[in-house]
Amino acid sequence: MNIQQLEYILAVDTYRHFAKAAEHCRVTQPTLSMMIQKLEDELGIKLFDRNLQPFAPHLPDVRLLSKREMSSIRLLLSKIS
């Protein structure tokens, strides 16, 4: 996992929409999707249930992060960026 992939995951979690998340991250939607897919392949789990609209975390595989944890991750990323 790299920081960029973490940013993409946070954006998809926030916007619940791959195109909106890609716009926020200033990348194309296929790029964002490909990077998340690579991470899912690396981890051997699905992070998002793409059959739901809006997208949602794939609950059997992913423990939902608390708002406090998400805030901490965002703060860390803002300091790194």
PDB file of N, CA and C in Angstrom:
ATOM      1  N   MET A   1       0.858  -1.167   0.000  1.00  0.00           N
ATOM      2  CA  MET A   1       0.000   0.000   0.000  1.00  0.00           C
ATOM      3  C   MET A   1       0.906   1.231   0.000  1.00  0.00           C
ATOM      4  N   ASN A   2       0.514   2.216  -0.784  1.00  0.00           N
ATOM      5  CA  ASN A   2       1.244   3.467  -0.747  1.00  0.00           C
ATOM      6  C   ASN A   2       0.294   4.601  -0.355  1.00  0.00           C
ATOM      7  N   ILE A   3       0.859   5.740  -0.107  1.00  0.00           N
ATOM      8  CA  ILE A   3       0.059   6.883   0.366  1.00  0.00           C
ATOM      9  C   ILE A   3      -0.999   7.266  -0.664  1.00  0.00           C
ATOM     10  N   GLN A   4      -0.643   7.207  -1.924  1.00  0.00           N
ATOM     11  CA  GLN A   4      -1.579   7.559  -2.980  1.00  0.00           C
ATOM     12  C   GLN A   4      -2.808   6.653  -2.938  1.00  0.00           C
ATOM     13  N   GLN A   5      -2.581   5.355  -2.779  1.00  0.00           N
ATOM     14  CA  GLN A   5      -3.710   4.421  -2.696  1.00  0.00           C
ATOM     15  C   GLN A   5      -4.574   4.715  -1.477  1.00  0.00           C
ATOM     16  N   LEU A   6      -3.953   5.064  -0.377  1.00  0.00           N
ATOM     17  CA  LEU A   6      -4.705   5.412   0.823  1.00  0.00           C
ATOM     18  C   LEU A   6      -5.554   6.652   0.588  1.00  0.00           C
ATOM     19  N   GLU A   7      -5.008   7.635  -0.090  1.00  0.00           N
ATOM     20  CA  GLU A   7      -5.779   8.836  -0.432  1.00  0.00           C
ATOM     21  C   GLU A   7      -6.981   8.483  -1.298  1.00  0.00           C
ATOM     22  N   TYR A   8      -6.786   7.584  -2.257  1.00  0.00           N
ATOM     23  CA  TYR A   8      -7.878   7.181  -3.140  1.00  0.00           C
ATOM     24  C   TYR A   8      -8.973   6.458  -2.360  1.00  0.00           C
ATOM     25  N   ILE A   9      -8.570   5.578  -1.456  1.00  0.00           N
ATOM     26  CA  ILE A   9      -9.554   4.851  -0.642  1.00  0.00           C
ATOM     27  C   ILE A   9     -10.359   5.826   0.219  1.00  0.00           C
ATOM     28  N   LEU A  10      -9.681   6.781   0.824  1.00  0.00           N
ATOM     29  CA  LEU A  10     -10.378   7.773   1.648  1.00  0.00           C
ATOM     30  C   LEU A  10     -11.339   8.604   0.811  1.00  0.00           C
ATOM     31  N   ALA A  11     -10.935   8.958  -0.397  1.00  0.00           N
ATOM     32  CA  ALA A  11     -11.812   9.749  -1.263  1.00  0.00           C
ATOM     33  C   ALA A  11     -13.051   8.959  -1.659  1.00  0.00           C
ATOM     34  N   VAL A  12     -12.866   7.685  -2.030  1.00  0.00           N
ATOM     35  CA  VAL A  12     -14.032   6.858  -2.392  1.00  0.00           C
ATOM     36  C   VAL A  12     -14.935   6.681  -1.177  1.00  0.00           C
ATOM     37  N   ASP A  13     -14.355   6.495  -0.012  1.00  0.00           N
ATOM     38  CA  ASP A  13     -15.152   6.367   1.204  1.00  0.00           C
ATOM     39  C   ASP A  13     -15.928   7.650   1.490  1.00  0.00           C
ATOM     40  N   THR A  14     -15.303   8.790   1.251  1.00  0.00           N
ATOM     41  CA  THR A  14     -15.949  10.082   1.510  1.00  0.00           C
ATOM     42  C   THR A  14     -17.056  10.374   0.507  1.00  0.00           C
ATOM     43  N   TYR A  15     -16.754  10.228  -0.785  1.00  0.00           N
ATOM     44  CA  TYR A  15     -17.696  10.609  -1.841  1.00  0.00           C
ATOM     45  C   TYR A  15     -18.643   9.488  -2.256  1.00  0.00           C
ATOM     46  N   ARG A  16     -18.299   8.250  -1.923  1.00  0.00           N
ATOM     47  CA  ARG A  16     -19.125   7.077  -2.288  1.00  0.00           C
ATOM     48  C   ARG A  16     -19.408   7.040  -3.785  1.00  0.00           C
ATOM     49  N   HIS A  17     -18.440   7.526  -4.568  1.00  0.00           N
ATOM     50  CA  HIS A  17     -18.595   7.597  -6.017  1.00  0.00           C
ATOM     51  C   HIS A  17     -17.197   7.673  -6.622  1.00  0.00           C
ATOM     52  N   PHE A  18     -16.863   6.727  -7.496  1.00  0.00           N
ATOM     53  CA  PHE A  18     -15.510   6.677  -8.033  1.00  0.00           C
ATOM     54  C   PHE A  18     -15.164   7.908  -8.863  1.00  0.00           C
ATOM     55  N   ALA A  19     -16.082   8.397  -9.687  1.00  0.00           N
ATOM     56  CA  ALA A  19     -15.784   9.557 -10.527  1.00  0.00           C
ATOM     57  C   ALA A  19     -15.566  10.814  -9.686  1.00  0.00           C
ATOM     58  N   LYS A  20     -16.408  11.007  -8.669  1.00  0.00           N
ATOM     59  CA  LYS A  20     -16.249  12.175  -7.794  1.00  0.00           C
ATOM     60  C   LYS A  20     -14.955  12.073  -6.987  1.00  0.00           C
ATOM     61  N   ALA A  21     -14.628  10.877  -6.534  1.00  0.00           N
ATOM     62  CA  ALA A  21     -13.382  10.667  -5.791  1.00  0.00           C
ATOM     63  C   ALA A  21     -12.183  10.945  -6.695  1.00  0.00           C
ATOM     64  N   ALA A  22     -12.249  10.498  -7.933  1.00  0.00           N
ATOM     65  CA  ALA A  22     -11.162  10.739  -8.880  1.00  0.00           C
ATOM     66  C   ALA A  22     -10.991  12.228  -9.137  1.00  0.00           C
ATOM     67  N   GLU A  23     -12.090  12.920  -9.300  1.00  0.00           N
ATOM     68  CA  GLU A  23     -12.030  14.373  -9.504  1.00  0.00           C
ATOM     69  C   GLU A  23     -11.371  15.049  -8.301  1.00  0.00           C
ATOM     70  N   HIS A  24     -11.753  14.647  -7.110  1.00  0.00           N
ATOM     71  CA  HIS A  24     -11.167  15.205  -5.893  1.00  0.00           C
ATOM     72  C   HIS A  24      -9.658  14.950  -5.842  1.00  0.00           C
ATOM     73  N   CYS A  25      -9.239  13.760  -6.275  1.00  0.00           N
ATOM     74  CA  CYS A  25      -7.825  13.383  -6.246  1.00  0.00           C
ATOM     75  C   CYS A  25      -7.056  13.885  -7.469  1.00  0.00           C
ATOM     76  N   ARG A  26      -7.767  14.509  -8.378  1.00  0.00           N
ATOM     77  CA  ARG A  26      -7.174  15.052  -9.609  1.00  0.00           C
ATOM     78  C   ARG A  26      -6.519  13.968 -10.466  1.00  0.00           C
ATOM     79  N   VAL A  27      -7.240  12.866 -10.602  1.00  0.00           N
ATOM     80  CA  VAL A  27      -6.824  11.791 -11.495  1.00  0.00           C
ATOM     81  C   VAL A  27      -8.050  11.353 -12.291  1.00  0.00           C
ATOM     82  N   THR A  28      -7.838  10.550 -13.320  1.00  0.00           N
ATOM     83  CA  THR A  28      -8.985  10.028 -14.060  1.00  0.00           C
ATOM     84  C   THR A  28      -9.631   8.901 -13.261  1.00  0.00           C
ATOM     85  N   GLN A  29     -10.884   8.662 -13.538  1.00  0.00           N
ATOM     86  CA  GLN A  29     -11.602   7.593 -12.842  1.00  0.00           C
ATOM     87  C   GLN A  29     -10.973   6.222 -13.112  1.00  0.00           C
ATOM     88  N   PRO A  30     -10.550   5.920 -14.362  1.00  0.00           N
ATOM     89  CA  PRO A  30      -9.897   4.627 -14.577  1.00  0.00           C
ATOM     90  C   PRO A  30      -8.597   4.465 -13.781  1.00  0.00           C
ATOM     91  N   THR A  31      -7.843   5.555 -13.628  1.00  0.00           N
ATOM     92  CA  THR A  31      -6.606   5.491 -12.843  1.00  0.00           C
ATOM     93  C   THR A  31      -6.915   5.176 -11.388  1.00  0.00           C
ATOM     94  N   LEU A  32      -7.881   5.879 -10.828  1.00  0.00           N
ATOM     95  CA  LEU A  32      -8.270   5.645  -9.432  1.00  0.00           C
ATOM     96  C   LEU A  32      -8.751   4.206  -9.254  1.00  0.00           C
ATOM     97  N   SER A  33      -9.611   3.746 -10.136  1.00  0.00           N
ATOM     98  CA  SER A  33     -10.138   2.381 -10.052  1.00  0.00           C
ATOM     99  C   SER A  33      -9.022   1.349 -10.152  1.00  0.00           C
ATOM    100  N   MET A  34      -8.077   1.584 -11.073  1.00  0.00           N
ATOM    101  CA  MET A  34      -6.975   0.650 -11.263  1.00  0.00           C
ATOM    102  C   MET A  34      -6.092   0.579 -10.011  1.00  0.00           C
ATOM    103  N   MET A  35      -5.812   1.723  -9.404  1.00  0.00           N
ATOM    104  CA  MET A  35      -4.966   1.740  -8.212  1.00  0.00           C
ATOM    105  C   MET A  35      -5.648   1.042  -7.034  1.00  0.00           C
ATOM    106  N   ILE A  36      -6.951   1.249  -6.889  1.00  0.00           N
ATOM    107  CA  ILE A  36      -7.688   0.562  -5.823  1.00  0.00           C
ATOM    108  C   ILE A  36      -7.741  -0.933  -6.105  1.00  0.00           C
ATOM    109  N   GLN A  37      -7.940  -1.297  -7.377  1.00  0.00           N
ATOM    110  CA  GLN A  37      -7.963  -2.721  -7.747  1.00  0.00           C
ATOM    111  C   GLN A  37      -6.620  -3.379  -7.460  1.00  0.00           C
ATOM    112  N   LYS A  38      -5.521  -2.685  -7.754  1.00  0.00           N
ATOM    113  CA  LYS A  38      -4.189  -3.225  -7.455  1.00  0.00           C
ATOM    114  C   LYS A  38      -4.028  -3.481  -5.962  1.00  0.00           C
ATOM    115  N   LEU A  39      -4.498  -2.544  -5.157  1.00  0.00           N
ATOM    116  CA  LEU A  39      -4.399  -2.717  -3.707  1.00  0.00           C
ATOM    117  C   LEU A  39      -5.264  -3.882  -3.247  1.00  0.00           C
ATOM    118  N   GLU A  40      -6.476  -3.978  -3.782  1.00  0.00           N
ATOM    119  CA  GLU A  40      -7.342  -5.102  -3.422  1.00  0.00           C
ATOM    120  C   GLU A  40      -6.671  -6.433  -3.777  1.00  0.00           C
ATOM    121  N   ASP A  41      -6.047  -6.483  -4.952  1.00  0.00           N
ATOM    122  CA  ASP A  41      -5.346  -7.704  -5.369  1.00  0.00           C
ATOM    123  C   ASP A  41      -4.184  -8.001  -4.422  1.00  0.00           C
ATOM    124  N   GLU A  42      -3.453  -6.953  -4.049  1.00  0.00           N
ATOM    125  CA  GLU A  42      -2.307  -7.113  -3.147  1.00  0.00           C
ATOM    126  C   GLU A  42      -2.745  -7.632  -1.781  1.00  0.00           C
ATOM    127  N   LEU A  43      -3.866  -7.109  -1.289  1.00  0.00           N
ATOM    128  CA  LEU A  43      -4.364  -7.497   0.030  1.00  0.00           C
ATOM    129  C   LEU A  43      -5.182  -8.787  -0.003  1.00  0.00           C
ATOM    130  N   GLY A  44      -5.683  -9.132  -1.180  1.00  0.00           N
ATOM    131  CA  GLY A  44      -6.513 -10.323  -1.313  1.00  0.00           C
ATOM    132  C   GLY A  44      -7.925 -10.137  -0.786  1.00  0.00           C
ATOM    133  N   ILE A  45      -8.393  -8.884  -0.745  1.00  0.00           N
ATOM    134  CA  ILE A  45      -9.761  -8.586  -0.295  1.00  0.00           C
ATOM    135  C   ILE A  45     -10.373  -7.520  -1.183  1.00  0.00           C
ATOM    136  N   LYS A  46     -11.688  -7.443  -1.178  1.00  0.00           N
ATOM    137  CA  LYS A  46     -12.407  -6.371  -1.856  1.00  0.00           C
ATOM    138  C   LYS A  46     -12.696  -5.290  -0.823  1.00  0.00           C
ATOM    139  N   LEU A  47     -12.264  -4.066  -1.128  1.00  0.00           N
ATOM    140  CA  LEU A  47     -12.472  -2.966  -0.192  1.00  0.00           C
ATOM    141  C   LEU A  47     -13.839  -2.334  -0.330  1.00  0.00           C
ATOM    142  N   PHE A  48     -14.388  -2.337  -1.551  1.00  0.00           N
ATOM    143  CA  PHE A  48     -15.681  -1.700  -1.793  1.00  0.00           C
ATOM    144  C   PHE A  48     -16.601  -2.640  -2.545  1.00  0.00           C
ATOM    145  N   ASP A  49     -17.880  -2.601  -2.185  1.00  0.00           N
ATOM    146  CA  ASP A  49     -18.898  -3.369  -2.897  1.00  0.00           C
ATOM    147  C   ASP A  49     -19.367  -2.501  -4.058  1.00  0.00           C
ATOM    148  N   ARG A  50     -18.909  -2.811  -5.257  1.00  0.00           N
ATOM    149  CA  ARG A  50     -19.217  -2.004  -6.436  1.00  0.00           C
ATOM    150  C   ARG A  50     -20.622  -2.252  -6.966  1.00  0.00           C
ATOM    151  N   ASN A  51     -21.338  -3.223  -6.407  1.00  0.00           N
ATOM    152  CA  ASN A  51     -22.710  -3.496  -6.828  1.00  0.00           C
ATOM    153  C   ASN A  51     -23.711  -2.560  -6.166  1.00  0.00           C
ATOM    154  N   LEU A  52     -23.300  -1.898  -5.106  1.00  0.00           N
ATOM    155  CA  LEU A  52     -24.184  -0.970  -4.401  1.00  0.00           C
ATOM    156  C   LEU A  52     -24.028   0.432  -4.971  1.00  0.00           C
ATOM    157  N   GLN A  53     -25.113   1.183  -4.974  1.00  0.00           N
ATOM    158  CA  GLN A  53     -25.069   2.595  -5.370  1.00  0.00           C
ATOM    159  C   GLN A  53     -25.686   3.402  -4.245  1.00  0.00           C
ATOM    160  N   PRO A  54     -24.984   4.302  -3.588  1.00  0.00           N
ATOM    161  CA  PRO A  54     -23.567   4.591  -3.815  1.00  0.00           C
ATOM    162  C   PRO A  54     -22.703   3.460  -3.275  1.00  0.00           C
ATOM    163  N   PHE A  55     -21.428   3.448  -3.716  1.00  0.00           N
ATOM    164  CA  PHE A  55     -20.496   2.413  -3.285  1.00  0.00           C
ATOM    165  C   PHE A  55     -20.379   2.409  -1.774  1.00  0.00           C
ATOM    166  N   ALA A  56     -20.101   1.255  -1.249  1.00  0.00           N
ATOM    167  CA  ALA A  56     -19.967   1.119   0.199  1.00  0.00           C
ATOM    168  C   ALA A  56     -18.804   0.181   0.498  1.00  0.00           C
ATOM    169  N   PRO A  57     -18.236   0.296   1.684  1.00  0.00           N
ATOM    170  CA  PRO A  57     -17.196  -0.670   2.059  1.00  0.00           C
ATOM    171  C   PRO A  57     -17.750  -2.084   1.993  1.00  0.00           C
ATOM    172  N   HIS A  58     -16.921  -3.013   1.569  1.00  0.00           N
ATOM    173  CA  HIS A  58     -17.308  -4.423   1.490  1.00  0.00           C
ATOM    174  C   HIS A  58     -17.194  -5.002   2.892  1.00  0.00           C
ATOM    175  N   LEU A  59     -18.282  -5.034   3.594  1.00  0.00           N
ATOM    176  CA  LEU A  59     -18.301  -5.326   5.024  1.00  0.00           C
ATOM    177  C   LEU A  59     -17.715  -6.660   5.460  1.00  0.00           C
ATOM    178  N   PRO A  60     -17.855  -7.735   4.702  1.00  0.00           N
ATOM    179  CA  PRO A  60     -17.258  -8.979   5.202  1.00  0.00           C
ATOM    180  C   PRO A  60     -15.734  -8.901   5.328  1.00  0.00           C
ATOM    181  N   ASP A  61     -15.095  -8.058   4.518  1.00  0.00           N
ATOM    182  CA  ASP A  61     -13.640  -8.011   4.496  1.00  0.00           C
ATOM    183  C   ASP A  61     -13.038  -6.799   5.193  1.00  0.00           C
ATOM    184  N   VAL A  62     -13.804  -5.749   5.378  1.00  0.00           N
ATOM    185  CA  VAL A  62     -13.234  -4.492   5.851  1.00  0.00           C
ATOM    186  C   VAL A  62     -13.895  -4.043   7.148  1.00  0.00           C
ATOM    187  N   ARG A  63     -13.057  -3.790   8.146  1.00  0.00           N
ATOM    188  CA  ARG A  63     -13.568  -3.211   9.381  1.00  0.00           C
ATOM    189  C   ARG A  63     -13.727  -1.716   9.123  1.00  0.00           C
ATOM    190  N   LEU A  64     -14.898  -1.184   9.360  1.00  0.00           N
ATOM    191  CA  LEU A  64     -15.114   0.238   9.125  1.00  0.00           C
ATOM    192  C   LEU A  64     -14.270   1.060  10.078  1.00  0.00           C
ATOM    193  N   LEU A  65     -13.645   2.083   9.542  1.00  0.00           N
ATOM    194  CA  LEU A  65     -12.861   2.980  10.371  1.00  0.00           C
ATOM    195  C   LEU A  65     -13.778   3.945  11.098  1.00  0.00           C
ATOM    196  N   SER A  66     -13.439   4.247  12.323  1.00  0.00           N
ATOM    197  CA  SER A  66     -14.211   5.230  13.064  1.00  0.00           C
ATOM    198  C   SER A  66     -13.914   6.614  12.504  1.00  0.00           C
ATOM    199  N   LYS A  67     -14.769   7.565  12.792  1.00  0.00           N
ATOM    200  CA  LYS A  67     -14.549   8.942  12.343  1.00  0.00           C
ATOM    201  C   LYS A  67     -13.232   9.470  12.898  1.00  0.00           C
ATOM    202  N   ARG A  68     -12.893   9.075  14.100  1.00  0.00           N
ATOM    203  CA  ARG A  68     -11.649   9.526  14.712  1.00  0.00           C
ATOM    204  C   ARG A  68     -10.443   8.971  13.947  1.00  0.00           C
ATOM    205  N   GLU A  69     -10.507   7.697  13.570  1.00  0.00           N
ATOM    206  CA  GLU A  69      -9.418   7.100  12.801  1.00  0.00           C
ATOM    207  C   GLU A  69      -9.287   7.756  11.431  1.00  0.00           C
ATOM    208  N   MET A  70     -10.416   8.007  10.789  1.00  0.00           N
ATOM    209  CA  MET A  70     -10.398   8.660   9.478  1.00  0.00           C
ATOM    210  C   MET A  70      -9.800  10.059   9.594  1.00  0.00           C
ATOM    211  N   SER A  71     -10.155  10.786  10.627  1.00  0.00           N
ATOM    212  CA  SER A  71      -9.608  12.125  10.833  1.00  0.00           C
ATOM    213  C   SER A  71      -8.101  12.071  11.038  1.00  0.00           C
ATOM    214  N   SER A  72      -7.642  11.091  11.780  1.00  0.00           N
ATOM    215  CA  SER A  72      -6.205  10.936  12.019  1.00  0.00           C
ATOM    216  C   SER A  72      -5.462  10.642  10.719  1.00  0.00           C
ATOM    217  N   ILE A  73      -6.028   9.798   9.891  1.00  0.00           N
ATOM    218  CA  ILE A  73      -5.405   9.467   8.607  1.00  0.00           C
ATOM    219  C   ILE A  73      -5.360  10.696   7.715  1.00  0.00           C
ATOM    220  N   ARG A  74      -6.459  11.435   7.664  1.00  0.00           N
ATOM    221  CA  ARG A  74      -6.500  12.646   6.834  1.00  0.00           C
ATOM    222  C   ARG A  74      -5.472  13.672   7.326  1.00  0.00           C
ATOM    223  N   LEU A  75      -5.348  13.818   8.622  1.00  0.00           N
ATOM    224  CA  LEU A  75      -4.379  14.766   9.188  1.00  0.00           C
ATOM    225  C   LEU A  75      -2.960  14.344   8.808  1.00  0.00           C
ATOM    226  N   LEU A  76      -2.663  13.075   8.938  1.00  0.00           N
ATOM    227  CA  LEU A  76      -1.346  12.568   8.566  1.00  0.00           C
ATOM    228  C   LEU A  76      -1.066  12.824   7.093  1.00  0.00           C
ATOM    229  N   LEU A  77      -2.035  12.543   6.230  1.00  0.00           N
ATOM    230  CA  LEU A  77      -1.843  12.764   4.796  1.00  0.00           C
ATOM    231  C   LEU A  77      -1.644  14.229   4.478  1.00  0.00           C
ATOM    232  N   SER A  78      -2.338  15.114   5.180  1.00  0.00           N
ATOM    233  CA  SER A  78      -2.178  16.548   4.914  1.00  0.00           C
ATOM    234  C   SER A  78      -0.789  17.019   5.301  1.00  0.00           C
ATOM    235  N   LYS A  79      -0.208  16.422   6.316  1.00  0.00           N
ATOM    236  CA  LYS A  79       1.149  16.790   6.741  1.00  0.00           C
ATOM    237  C   LYS A  79       2.196  16.268   5.756  1.00  0.00           C
ATOM    238  N   ILE A  80       1.907  15.128   5.142  1.00  0.00           N
ATOM    239  CA  ILE A  80       2.850  14.526   4.204  1.00  0.00           C
ATOM    240  C   ILE A  80       2.784  15.233   2.856  1.00  0.00           C
ATOM    241  N   SER A  81       1.589  15.608   2.448  1.00  0.00           N
ATOM    242  CA  SER A  81       1.402  16.189   1.102  1.00  0.00           C
ATOM    243  C   SER A  81       1.986  17.558   0.959  1.00  0.00           C
TER     244      SER A  81
END
